[in-house]
């Protein structure tokens, strides 16, 4: 876990990262060589969040929900409009989720 927060001010919706964190713990392989990495950096009013975990690419997803990530994307669009980047990648059994936010239009007007 790597956390770096400067003295800037940033406004975020409550529990913005919760779905990403829940999924990282839920789908992480329970083995000795598992990977669970969390990075949070705040500089001024920009936020960089990355969560990475190892998953079993041979196991079928047993979950029938998926609402958490859908709701996250809706919240990002509502709050940040086009001032964010949300990327997901799966490579070599490593699932990486990256969320980068710039100041929301509401914050820029203050």
N, C-alpha and C. Protein backbone atom coordinates (compact mmCIF):
# COMPACT_ATOMS: atom_id res chain seq x y z
N UNK A 1 0.86 -1.17 0.00
CA UNK A 1 0.00 0.00 0.00
C UNK A 1 0.90 1.23 0.00
N UNK A 2 0.62 2.14 -0.91
CA UNK A 2 1.41 3.36 -1.04
C UNK A 2 0.44 4.54 -1.03
N UNK A 3 0.57 5.39 -0.03
CA UNK A 3 -0.30 6.56 0.07
C UNK A 3 0.56 7.81 0.14
N UNK A 4 0.24 8.76 -0.74
CA UNK A 4 0.95 10.03 -0.78
C UNK A 4 -0.07 11.14 -0.97
N UNK A 5 -0.23 11.97 0.05
CA UNK A 5 -1.22 13.04 -0.02
C UNK A 5 -0.53 14.35 0.34
N UNK A 6 -0.57 15.29 -0.60
CA UNK A 6 0.01 16.60 -0.29
C UNK A 6 -1.03 17.44 0.44
N UNK A 7 -0.78 18.69 0.60
CA UNK A 7 -1.68 19.55 1.37
C UNK A 7 -2.79 20.16 0.52
N UNK A 8 -2.92 19.70 -0.68
CA UNK A 8 -3.99 20.22 -1.54
C UNK A 8 -5.35 19.79 -1.05
N UNK A 9 -6.37 20.39 -1.62
CA UNK A 9 -7.73 20.04 -1.25
C UNK A 9 -8.42 19.42 -2.45
N UNK A 10 -9.07 18.33 -2.20
CA UNK A 10 -9.81 17.65 -3.25
C UNK A 10 -11.13 17.15 -2.67
N UNK A 11 -12.19 17.30 -3.43
CA UNK A 11 -13.50 16.82 -3.01
C UNK A 11 -13.82 15.56 -3.80
N UNK A 12 -14.13 14.50 -3.07
CA UNK A 12 -14.48 13.22 -3.70
C UNK A 12 -15.83 12.76 -3.18
N UNK A 13 -16.59 12.07 -4.02
CA UNK A 13 -17.84 11.49 -3.53
C UNK A 13 -17.52 10.46 -2.43
N UNK A 14 -18.37 10.32 -1.44
CA UNK A 14 -18.13 9.35 -0.37
C UNK A 14 -17.99 7.93 -0.93
N UNK A 15 -17.06 7.19 -0.38
CA UNK A 15 -16.85 5.77 -0.69
C UNK A 15 -16.59 5.51 -2.18
N UNK A 16 -15.95 6.43 -2.86
CA UNK A 16 -15.71 6.31 -4.30
C UNK A 16 -14.93 5.05 -4.65
N UNK A 17 -13.97 4.65 -3.84
CA UNK A 17 -13.09 3.53 -4.17
C UNK A 17 -13.58 2.19 -3.64
N UNK A 18 -14.69 2.16 -2.94
CA UNK A 18 -15.09 0.95 -2.22
C UNK A 18 -15.31 -0.25 -3.15
N UNK A 19 -15.95 -0.08 -4.30
CA UNK A 19 -16.19 -1.21 -5.21
C UNK A 19 -14.89 -1.77 -5.74
N UNK A 20 -13.93 -0.90 -6.02
CA UNK A 20 -12.64 -1.36 -6.53
C UNK A 20 -11.88 -2.15 -5.48
N UNK A 21 -11.93 -1.67 -4.24
CA UNK A 21 -11.26 -2.38 -3.15
C UNK A 21 -11.94 -3.71 -2.84
N UNK A 22 -13.26 -3.70 -2.80
CA UNK A 22 -14.00 -4.94 -2.53
C UNK A 22 -13.67 -6.01 -3.57
N UNK A 23 -13.67 -5.63 -4.84
CA UNK A 23 -13.38 -6.59 -5.90
C UNK A 23 -11.95 -7.11 -5.82
N UNK A 24 -11.00 -6.24 -5.47
CA UNK A 24 -9.61 -6.68 -5.35
C UNK A 24 -9.47 -7.76 -4.29
N UNK A 25 -10.15 -7.58 -3.16
CA UNK A 25 -10.09 -8.60 -2.10
C UNK A 25 -10.92 -9.83 -2.48
N UNK A 26 -12.04 -9.62 -3.11
CA UNK A 26 -12.94 -10.73 -3.46
C UNK A 26 -12.31 -11.68 -4.47
N UNK A 27 -11.64 -11.14 -5.49
CA UNK A 27 -11.13 -11.98 -6.57
C UNK A 27 -9.64 -12.27 -6.45
N UNK A 28 -8.97 -11.75 -5.44
CA UNK A 28 -7.56 -12.03 -5.25
C UNK A 28 -7.39 -13.51 -4.90
N UNK A 29 -6.37 -14.13 -5.46
CA UNK A 29 -6.10 -15.54 -5.19
C UNK A 29 -5.54 -15.66 -3.77
N UNK A 30 -6.08 -16.60 -3.03
CA UNK A 30 -5.63 -16.82 -1.65
C UNK A 30 -4.46 -17.80 -1.67
N UNK A 31 -3.30 -17.29 -2.09
CA UNK A 31 -2.08 -18.10 -2.16
C UNK A 31 -0.92 -17.28 -1.63
N UNK A 32 0.18 -17.98 -1.40
CA UNK A 32 1.37 -17.33 -0.85
C UNK A 32 1.90 -16.23 -1.77
N UNK A 33 1.84 -16.42 -3.08
CA UNK A 33 2.41 -15.46 -4.03
C UNK A 33 1.37 -14.46 -4.55
N UNK A 34 0.28 -14.27 -3.81
CA UNK A 34 -0.75 -13.36 -4.28
C UNK A 34 -0.24 -11.92 -4.30
N UNK A 35 -0.88 -11.12 -5.12
CA UNK A 35 -0.51 -9.71 -5.25
C UNK A 35 -1.74 -8.87 -4.93
N UNK A 36 -1.56 -7.93 -4.04
CA UNK A 36 -2.60 -6.95 -3.77
C UNK A 36 -1.89 -5.64 -3.51
N UNK A 37 -1.98 -4.76 -4.47
CA UNK A 37 -1.28 -3.48 -4.39
C UNK A 37 -2.29 -2.35 -4.49
N UNK A 38 -2.17 -1.38 -3.60
CA UNK A 38 -3.07 -0.24 -3.58
C UNK A 38 -2.22 1.02 -3.55
N UNK A 39 -2.49 1.95 -4.46
CA UNK A 39 -1.76 3.21 -4.52
C UNK A 39 -2.78 4.35 -4.53
N UNK A 40 -2.58 5.32 -3.65
CA UNK A 40 -3.41 6.52 -3.62
C UNK A 40 -2.48 7.72 -3.53
N UNK A 41 -2.59 8.60 -4.52
CA UNK A 41 -1.78 9.81 -4.54
C UNK A 41 -2.71 11.00 -4.78
N UNK A 42 -2.54 12.03 -3.97
CA UNK A 42 -3.31 13.26 -4.13
C UNK A 42 -2.30 14.40 -4.25
N UNK A 43 -2.40 15.12 -5.36
CA UNK A 43 -1.55 16.30 -5.58
C UNK A 43 -2.47 17.44 -5.98
N UNK A 44 -2.50 18.46 -5.16
CA UNK A 44 -3.42 19.57 -5.44
C UNK A 44 -4.84 19.04 -5.39
N UNK A 45 -5.56 19.20 -6.50
CA UNK A 45 -6.91 18.64 -6.56
C UNK A 45 -7.01 17.57 -7.64
N UNK A 46 -5.92 16.79 -7.79
CA UNK A 46 -5.92 15.63 -8.68
C UNK A 46 -5.68 14.38 -7.85
N UNK A 47 -6.37 13.31 -8.21
CA UNK A 47 -6.28 12.06 -7.48
C UNK A 47 -5.88 10.94 -8.44
N UNK A 48 -4.91 10.14 -8.01
CA UNK A 48 -4.50 8.94 -8.74
C UNK A 48 -4.73 7.77 -7.81
N UNK A 49 -5.52 6.79 -8.26
CA UNK A 49 -5.81 5.60 -7.47
C UNK A 49 -5.60 4.38 -8.35
N UNK A 50 -4.84 3.42 -7.83
CA UNK A 50 -4.60 2.19 -8.57
C UNK A 50 -4.72 1.02 -7.60
N UNK A 51 -5.41 0.00 -8.03
CA UNK A 51 -5.50 -1.23 -7.25
C UNK A 51 -5.18 -2.38 -8.21
N UNK A 52 -4.38 -3.31 -7.69
CA UNK A 52 -3.91 -4.41 -8.53
C UNK A 52 -3.97 -5.70 -7.71
N UNK A 53 -4.48 -6.75 -8.32
CA UNK A 53 -4.53 -8.03 -7.63
C UNK A 53 -4.34 -9.17 -8.63
N UNK A 54 -3.91 -10.29 -8.09
CA UNK A 54 -3.75 -11.50 -8.89
C UNK A 54 -5.08 -12.24 -8.90
N UNK A 55 -5.45 -12.78 -10.04
CA UNK A 55 -6.71 -13.53 -10.12
C UNK A 55 -6.48 -14.83 -10.88
N UNK A 56 -7.38 -15.75 -10.71
CA UNK A 56 -7.30 -17.04 -11.40
C UNK A 56 -8.04 -16.91 -12.72
N UNK A 57 -7.30 -16.83 -13.81
CA UNK A 57 -7.93 -16.63 -15.12
C UNK A 57 -8.69 -17.87 -15.60
N UNK A 58 -8.50 -19.01 -14.94
CA UNK A 58 -9.22 -20.23 -15.32
C UNK A 58 -10.54 -20.38 -14.59
N UNK A 59 -10.74 -19.62 -13.52
CA UNK A 59 -11.98 -19.72 -12.75
C UNK A 59 -13.04 -18.81 -13.36
N UNK A 60 -14.21 -19.35 -13.54
CA UNK A 60 -15.33 -18.58 -14.07
C UNK A 60 -15.83 -17.63 -13.00
N UNK A 61 -16.26 -16.46 -13.45
CA UNK A 61 -16.83 -15.48 -12.52
C UNK A 61 -18.19 -15.99 -12.06
N UNK A 62 -18.31 -16.29 -10.78
CA UNK A 62 -19.56 -16.83 -10.23
C UNK A 62 -20.54 -15.74 -9.83
N UNK A 63 -20.08 -14.52 -9.86
CA UNK A 63 -20.94 -13.41 -9.45
C UNK A 63 -21.92 -13.07 -10.55
N UNK A 64 -23.16 -12.79 -10.18
CA UNK A 64 -24.18 -12.40 -11.15
C UNK A 64 -24.51 -10.91 -11.03
N UNK A 65 -23.77 -10.23 -10.21
CA UNK A 65 -24.07 -8.81 -9.96
C UNK A 65 -23.35 -7.89 -10.93
N UNK A 66 -22.26 -7.33 -10.47
CA UNK A 66 -21.53 -6.38 -11.29
C UNK A 66 -22.06 -4.96 -11.17
N UNK A 67 -22.96 -4.74 -10.24
CA UNK A 67 -23.56 -3.41 -10.10
C UNK A 67 -22.59 -2.40 -9.51
N UNK A 68 -21.65 -2.86 -8.69
CA UNK A 68 -20.72 -1.95 -8.04
C UNK A 68 -19.90 -1.15 -9.05
N UNK A 69 -19.34 -1.83 -10.05
CA UNK A 69 -18.53 -1.14 -11.06
C UNK A 69 -19.39 -0.30 -12.00
N UNK A 70 -20.59 -0.78 -12.29
CA UNK A 70 -21.51 0.02 -13.12
C UNK A 70 -21.88 1.31 -12.40
N UNK A 71 -22.17 1.19 -11.11
CA UNK A 71 -22.51 2.38 -10.33
C UNK A 71 -21.32 3.32 -10.19
N UNK A 72 -20.13 2.76 -10.07
CA UNK A 72 -18.92 3.58 -10.01
C UNK A 72 -18.79 4.43 -11.27
N UNK A 73 -18.96 3.82 -12.42
CA UNK A 73 -18.84 4.57 -13.68
C UNK A 73 -19.91 5.66 -13.78
N UNK A 74 -21.11 5.37 -13.33
CA UNK A 74 -22.17 6.40 -13.34
C UNK A 74 -21.80 7.56 -12.43
N UNK A 75 -21.29 7.24 -11.25
CA UNK A 75 -20.90 8.29 -10.30
C UNK A 75 -19.76 9.14 -10.86
N UNK A 76 -18.79 8.48 -11.50
CA UNK A 76 -17.68 9.23 -12.09
C UNK A 76 -18.17 10.21 -13.15
N UNK A 77 -19.08 9.75 -14.00
CA UNK A 77 -19.63 10.63 -15.05
C UNK A 77 -20.41 11.78 -14.46
N UNK A 78 -21.20 11.49 -13.44
CA UNK A 78 -21.99 12.55 -12.81
C UNK A 78 -21.11 13.58 -12.10
N UNK A 79 -20.13 13.10 -11.38
CA UNK A 79 -19.34 14.00 -10.55
C UNK A 79 -18.22 14.70 -11.32
N UNK A 80 -17.52 13.94 -12.16
CA UNK A 80 -16.34 14.49 -12.85
C UNK A 80 -16.59 14.81 -14.31
N UNK A 81 -17.73 14.46 -14.86
CA UNK A 81 -18.06 14.65 -16.27
C UNK A 81 -16.96 14.01 -17.12
N UNK A 82 -16.15 14.78 -17.81
CA UNK A 82 -15.09 14.22 -18.65
C UNK A 82 -13.71 14.41 -18.05
N UNK A 83 -13.64 14.74 -16.77
CA UNK A 83 -12.36 15.05 -16.13
C UNK A 83 -11.81 13.87 -15.33
N UNK A 84 -11.90 12.68 -15.90
CA UNK A 84 -11.37 11.50 -15.22
C UNK A 84 -10.94 10.45 -16.24
N UNK A 85 -10.10 9.54 -15.78
CA UNK A 85 -9.70 8.38 -16.56
C UNK A 85 -9.97 7.16 -15.70
N UNK A 86 -10.63 6.18 -16.28
CA UNK A 86 -10.91 4.92 -15.59
C UNK A 86 -10.54 3.81 -16.54
N UNK A 87 -9.53 3.02 -16.18
CA UNK A 87 -9.04 1.95 -17.05
C UNK A 87 -8.92 0.66 -16.26
N UNK A 88 -9.24 -0.43 -16.94
CA UNK A 88 -9.09 -1.76 -16.37
C UNK A 88 -8.29 -2.60 -17.34
N UNK A 89 -7.33 -3.36 -16.83
CA UNK A 89 -6.55 -4.25 -17.70
C UNK A 89 -6.35 -5.59 -17.00
N UNK A 90 -6.29 -6.63 -17.80
CA UNK A 90 -6.03 -7.99 -17.32
C UNK A 90 -4.85 -8.52 -18.14
N UNK A 91 -3.74 -8.78 -17.44
CA UNK A 91 -2.55 -9.24 -18.13
C UNK A 91 -1.77 -10.18 -17.21
N UNK A 92 -1.45 -11.36 -17.72
CA UNK A 92 -0.68 -12.35 -16.94
C UNK A 92 -1.29 -12.62 -15.57
N UNK A 93 -2.58 -12.83 -15.51
CA UNK A 93 -3.31 -13.10 -14.27
C UNK A 93 -3.26 -11.96 -13.26
N UNK A 94 -2.96 -10.75 -13.75
CA UNK A 94 -2.95 -9.56 -12.90
C UNK A 94 -4.05 -8.63 -13.38
N UNK A 95 -4.95 -8.28 -12.47
CA UNK A 95 -6.04 -7.36 -12.76
C UNK A 95 -5.64 -6.00 -12.20
N UNK A 96 -5.64 -5.00 -13.06
CA UNK A 96 -5.25 -3.65 -12.64
C UNK A 96 -6.38 -2.68 -12.96
N UNK A 97 -6.72 -1.88 -11.98
CA UNK A 97 -7.72 -0.84 -12.16
C UNK A 97 -7.08 0.50 -11.82
N UNK A 98 -7.20 1.44 -12.73
CA UNK A 98 -6.61 2.76 -12.56
C UNK A 98 -7.71 3.81 -12.63
N UNK A 99 -7.69 4.71 -11.68
CA UNK A 99 -8.65 5.81 -11.66
C UNK A 99 -7.87 7.09 -11.41
N UNK A 100 -7.97 8.01 -12.34
CA UNK A 100 -7.30 9.29 -12.23
C UNK A 100 -8.35 10.38 -12.41
N UNK A 101 -8.42 11.29 -11.46
CA UNK A 101 -9.41 12.36 -11.56
C UNK A 101 -8.71 13.71 -11.58
N UNK A 102 -9.24 14.58 -12.38
CA UNK A 102 -8.83 15.98 -12.39
C UNK A 102 -9.90 16.74 -11.62
N UNK A 103 -9.68 18.01 -11.37
CA UNK A 103 -10.70 18.76 -10.65
C UNK A 103 -12.05 18.72 -11.39
N UNK A 104 -13.11 18.54 -10.64
CA UNK A 104 -14.44 18.56 -11.25
C UNK A 104 -14.76 19.99 -11.64
N UNK A 105 -15.67 20.18 -12.59
CA UNK A 105 -16.06 21.54 -12.97
C UNK A 105 -16.54 22.36 -11.78
N UNK A 106 -17.24 21.72 -10.82
CA UNK A 106 -17.71 22.42 -9.62
C UNK A 106 -16.53 22.94 -8.80
N UNK A 107 -15.46 22.12 -8.72
CA UNK A 107 -14.29 22.53 -7.93
C UNK A 107 -13.53 23.65 -8.62
N UNK A 108 -13.51 23.67 -9.96
CA UNK A 108 -12.77 24.69 -10.68
C UNK A 108 -13.40 26.07 -10.52
N UNK A 109 -14.71 26.12 -10.25
CA UNK A 109 -15.40 27.39 -10.12
C UNK A 109 -15.18 28.03 -8.75
N UNK A 110 -14.69 27.26 -7.79
CA UNK A 110 -14.49 27.78 -6.43
C UNK A 110 -13.28 28.67 -6.35
